Protein backbone atom coordinates (compact mmCIF):
# COMPACT_ATOMS: atom_id res chain seq x y z
CA UNK A 1 14.88 6.96 -14.13
CA UNK A 2 12.16 9.60 -14.04
CA UNK A 3 11.52 12.14 -11.28
CA UNK A 4 7.93 12.55 -10.12
CA UNK A 5 6.96 15.24 -7.62
CA UNK A 6 3.52 15.71 -6.12
CA UNK A 7 2.07 18.59 -4.21
CA UNK A 8 -0.12 17.24 -1.42
CA UNK A 9 -2.94 19.56 -0.39
CA UNK A 10 -5.78 19.81 -2.91
CA UNK A 11 -3.65 17.74 -5.29
CA UNK A 12 -3.19 14.20 -3.98
CA UNK A 13 -5.69 15.08 -1.26
CA UNK A 14 -9.21 16.29 -2.00
CA UNK A 15 -8.73 18.90 0.72
CA UNK A 16 -6.04 20.76 2.64
CA UNK A 17 -4.27 18.90 5.46
CA UNK A 18 -2.80 22.09 6.92
CA UNK A 19 -6.19 23.77 7.23
CA UNK A 20 -7.84 20.52 8.35
CA UNK A 21 -5.28 19.89 11.11
CA UNK A 22 -6.01 23.25 12.72
CA UNK A 23 -9.75 22.63 12.40
CA UNK A 24 -9.26 19.20 13.96
CA UNK A 25 -7.47 20.72 16.96
CA UNK A 26 -10.23 23.32 17.28
CA UNK A 27 -12.88 20.58 17.28
CA UNK A 28 -10.91 18.70 19.96
CA UNK A 29 -10.85 21.82 22.14
CA UNK A 30 -7.07 22.02 21.91
CA UNK A 31 -7.29 25.41 20.21
CA UNK A 32 -9.76 28.16 21.05
CA UNK A 33 -12.45 28.20 18.36
CA UNK A 34 -13.35 31.89 18.65
CA UNK A 35 -9.78 33.07 18.14
CA UNK A 36 -8.15 30.36 16.07
CA UNK A 37 -10.83 29.48 13.54
CA UNK A 38 -10.99 32.99 12.09
CA UNK A 39 -7.19 33.07 11.79
CA UNK A 40 -7.14 29.66 10.13
CA UNK A 41 -9.69 30.75 7.54
CA UNK A 42 -7.86 34.04 6.99
CA UNK A 43 -4.52 32.34 6.35
CA UNK A 44 -6.14 29.82 4.00
CA UNK A 45 -7.71 32.61 1.96
CA UNK A 46 -4.36 34.41 1.79
CA UNK A 47 -2.72 31.22 0.53
CA UNK A 48 -5.31 30.87 -2.23
CA UNK A 49 -4.83 34.48 -3.35
CA UNK A 50 -1.02 34.26 -3.23
CA UNK A 51 -0.61 36.86 -0.46
CA UNK A 52 0.34 34.53 2.41
CA UNK A 53 3.26 35.54 4.63
CA UNK A 54 4.63 32.04 5.21
CA UNK A 55 6.53 32.94 8.39
CA UNK A 56 3.51 34.62 9.97
CA UNK A 57 1.46 31.55 9.08
CA UNK A 58 4.05 29.15 10.51
CA UNK A 59 4.05 31.05 13.82
CA UNK A 60 0.33 30.22 13.95
CA UNK A 61 0.48 26.68 12.60
CA UNK A 62 3.51 25.37 14.50
CA UNK A 63 2.69 26.90 17.90
CA UNK A 64 0.38 24.02 19.01
CA UNK A 65 3.19 21.53 18.41
CA UNK A 66 5.29 23.25 21.07
CA UNK A 67 2.54 23.12 23.70
CA UNK A 68 2.01 19.37 23.87
CA UNK A 69 4.17 16.27 24.33
CA UNK A 70 5.03 14.30 21.20
CA UNK A 71 3.13 11.22 22.37
CA UNK A 72 -0.08 13.24 22.64
CA UNK A 73 0.50 14.88 19.27
CA UNK A 74 1.08 11.49 17.66
CA UNK A 75 -2.12 10.12 19.20
CA UNK A 76 -4.11 13.06 17.87
CA UNK A 77 -2.53 12.63 14.46
CA UNK A 78 -3.53 8.96 14.26
CA UNK A 79 -7.12 10.02 14.90
CA UNK A 80 -6.77 12.84 12.37
CA UNK A 81 -5.37 10.51 9.71
CA UNK A 82 -8.15 7.96 10.17
CA UNK A 83 -11.11 10.31 10.47
CA UNK A 84 -10.12 13.32 8.36
CA UNK A 85 -7.37 12.46 5.89
CA UNK A 86 -8.27 9.02 4.59
CA UNK A 87 -11.65 10.27 3.33
CA UNK A 88 -9.71 12.90 1.32
CA UNK A 89 -7.68 10.25 -0.54
CA UNK A 90 -9.36 9.30 -3.79
CA UNK A 91 -8.91 6.09 -5.73
CA UNK A 92 -7.58 8.08 -8.69
CA UNK A 93 -4.89 9.67 -6.54
CA UNK A 94 -3.74 6.30 -5.21
CA UNK A 95 -3.70 4.85 -8.74
CA UNK A 96 -1.63 7.71 -10.15
CA UNK A 97 0.98 7.38 -7.41
CA UNK A 98 1.10 3.60 -7.86
CA UNK A 99 1.59 3.93 -11.64
CA UNK A 100 4.68 6.10 -11.21
CA UNK A 101 6.11 3.93 -8.44
CA UNK A 102 5.56 0.77 -10.49
CA UNK A 103 7.51 2.34 -13.37
CA UNK A 104 10.51 2.80 -11.08
CA UNK A 105 10.40 6.59 -10.84
CA UNK A 106 11.96 8.54 -7.98
CA UNK A 107 8.80 9.85 -6.27
CA UNK A 108 8.42 12.52 -3.62
CA UNK A 109 5.79 14.80 -2.14
CA UNK A 110 6.85 18.45 -2.08
CA UNK A 111 4.65 20.49 0.25
CA UNK A 112 4.66 23.68 2.27
CA UNK A 113 2.74 21.89 5.02
CA UNK A 114 5.02 20.84 7.86
CA UNK A 115 6.50 17.36 8.03
CA UNK A 116 4.77 16.44 11.30
CA UNK A 117 1.37 16.77 9.65
CA UNK A 118 2.39 15.38 6.27
CA UNK A 119 4.81 12.55 7.07
CA UNK A 120 2.16 9.95 8.02
CA UNK A 121 0.00 11.04 5.07
CA UNK A 122 2.83 10.52 2.60
CA UNK A 123 3.49 7.07 4.09
CA UNK A 124 -0.21 6.29 3.63
CA UNK A 125 0.36 6.71 -0.12
CA UNK A 126 3.49 4.55 -0.03
CA UNK A 127 5.61 7.45 -1.27
CA UNK A 128 9.21 7.07 -0.05
CA UNK A 129 10.35 10.70 0.01
CA UNK A 130 9.00 13.93 1.53
CA UNK A 131 10.24 17.46 0.98
CA UNK A 132 8.30 19.63 3.45
CA UNK A 133 8.60 22.55 5.81
CA UNK A 134 10.43 21.21 8.87
CA UNK A 135 9.33 22.08 12.43
CA UNK A 136 12.37 22.81 14.60
CA UNK A 137 13.00 20.64 17.66
CA UNK A 138 15.08 20.93 20.81
CA UNK A 139 15.64 17.95 23.09
CA UNK A 140 12.96 15.98 21.27
CA UNK A 141 10.28 18.67 21.62
CA UNK A 142 8.95 21.03 18.96
CA UNK A 143 9.89 24.69 19.41
CA UNK A 144 7.00 26.18 17.43
CA UNK A 145 9.38 27.56 14.79
CA UNK A 146 10.47 26.24 11.37
CA UNK A 147 13.96 24.90 10.70
CA UNK A 148 15.55 26.11 7.52
CA UNK A 149 13.77 27.41 4.46
CA UNK A 150 10.04 26.67 4.21
CA UNK A 151 9.08 24.58 1.18
CA UNK A 152 6.88 27.33 -0.22
CA UNK A 153 6.80 28.99 -3.66
CA UNK A 154 10.40 29.33 -4.92
CA UNK A 155 11.56 27.72 -1.68
CA UNK A 156 10.31 24.42 -3.09
CA UNK A 157 12.96 24.60 -5.81
CA UNK A 158 15.79 25.10 -3.33
CA UNK A 159 14.51 22.37 -1.02
CA UNK A 160 14.11 19.89 -3.91
CA UNK A 161 17.61 20.69 -5.17
CA UNK A 162 19.06 20.16 -1.69
CA UNK A 163 17.23 16.82 -1.37
CA UNK A 164 18.43 15.65 -4.79
CA UNK A 165 22.00 16.71 -3.97
CA UNK A 166 21.85 14.47 -0.88
CA UNK A 167 21.17 11.59 -3.29
CA UNK A 168 23.99 12.59 -5.63
CA UNK A 169 21.49 13.90 -8.19
CA UNK A 170 20.14 17.18 -9.59
CA UNK A 171 17.11 18.18 -11.66
CA UNK A 172 19.09 17.70 -14.85
CA UNK A 173 19.82 14.08 -13.93
CA UNK A 174 16.45 12.97 -15.23
CA UNK A 175 15.31 12.55 -18.80
CA UNK A 176 11.75 13.31 -17.70
CA UNK A 177 10.42 15.04 -14.60
CA UNK A 178 6.88 15.72 -13.41
CA UNK A 179 5.34 18.03 -10.86
CA UNK A 180 1.63 17.71 -10.14
CA UNK A 181 -0.01 20.64 -8.35
CA UNK A 182 -3.28 22.48 -7.92
CA UNK A 183 -1.89 25.89 -6.98
CA UNK A 184 -0.45 28.94 -8.71
CA UNK A 185 1.89 29.18 -5.70
CA UNK A 186 3.74 26.24 -7.26
CA UNK A 187 4.41 27.85 -10.63
CA UNK A 188 8.14 28.35 -9.86
CA UNK A 189 8.78 24.60 -9.46
CA UNK A 190 6.28 23.61 -12.15
CA UNK A 191 8.26 25.74 -14.59
CA UNK A 192 11.45 23.80 -13.78
CA UNK A 193 10.22 20.29 -14.69
CA UNK A 194 9.72 18.83 -18.15
CA UNK A 195 6.14 17.70 -17.47
CA UNK A 196 4.13 20.08 -15.27
CA UNK A 197 0.57 18.87 -14.65
CA UNK A 198 -2.25 21.00 -13.22
CA UNK A 199 -4.48 18.93 -10.94
CA UNK A 200 -7.94 20.31 -10.11
CA UNK A 201 -6.24 23.71 -10.42
CA UNK A 202 -7.17 27.12 -9.09
CA UNK A 203 -8.24 29.67 -11.70
CA UNK A 204 -4.81 31.26 -12.04
CA UNK A 205 -3.01 27.97 -12.55
CA UNK A 206 -5.70 26.71 -14.93
CA UNK A 207 -5.28 29.79 -17.13
CA UNK A 208 -1.50 29.47 -17.06
CA UNK A 209 -1.66 25.76 -17.90
CA UNK A 210 -4.01 26.38 -20.82
CA UNK A 211 -1.83 29.19 -22.17
CA UNK A 212 1.29 26.99 -22.00
CA UNK A 213 -0.25 23.73 -23.18
CA UNK A 214 0.16 21.92 -19.86
CA UNK A 215 -2.14 18.98 -19.12
CA UNK A 216 -5.05 19.67 -16.75
CA UNK A 217 -6.42 16.63 -14.92
CA UNK A 218 -8.74 15.79 -12.05
CA UNK A 219 -8.12 13.21 -9.33
CA UNK A 220 -11.59 13.64 -7.78
């Protein structure tokens, strides 16, 4: 059995679900545009340059989850999935996922974006496993804080290893392993698999991939 891991934002999606979710809430009037939009853009730029403080960002990104009941959040997410996310899913992305699933691989999305935002998106692809940053909950309500280690940079390795251990497996269990990503932030995990693939990569990842002979593909 092969292991196939996908990053989500700007990899399987032709866009960033984390950034888009905040923009969606701003457009709905749930978040204040004047204050929140500038912060959202700032954090996104920091992510792209590799300077993001993930805990500072999560304080911003998870706070709205703590202010609203789960039923309302779920209703907003259904609207978000239909109107914002589905247009970001390309035919090529769906085909690539289906090819690996049809071959019997163990397939998961590994993403820094929190599991509330990403869970329904991953199910839309038919992918059975998700390794994501987890929003903490108390008594069925979100607290606005993360639980455990965020799935970001080297944290993705630890989170993937913990997930595989729960299945009685480890990275060395697989003859072949893939990780598809667009971002230089994912170089730690990409360097741990046998088949790293750069997907519509940023400039830093593209240069690294070319220097190391990694495939560079586009799903757009």
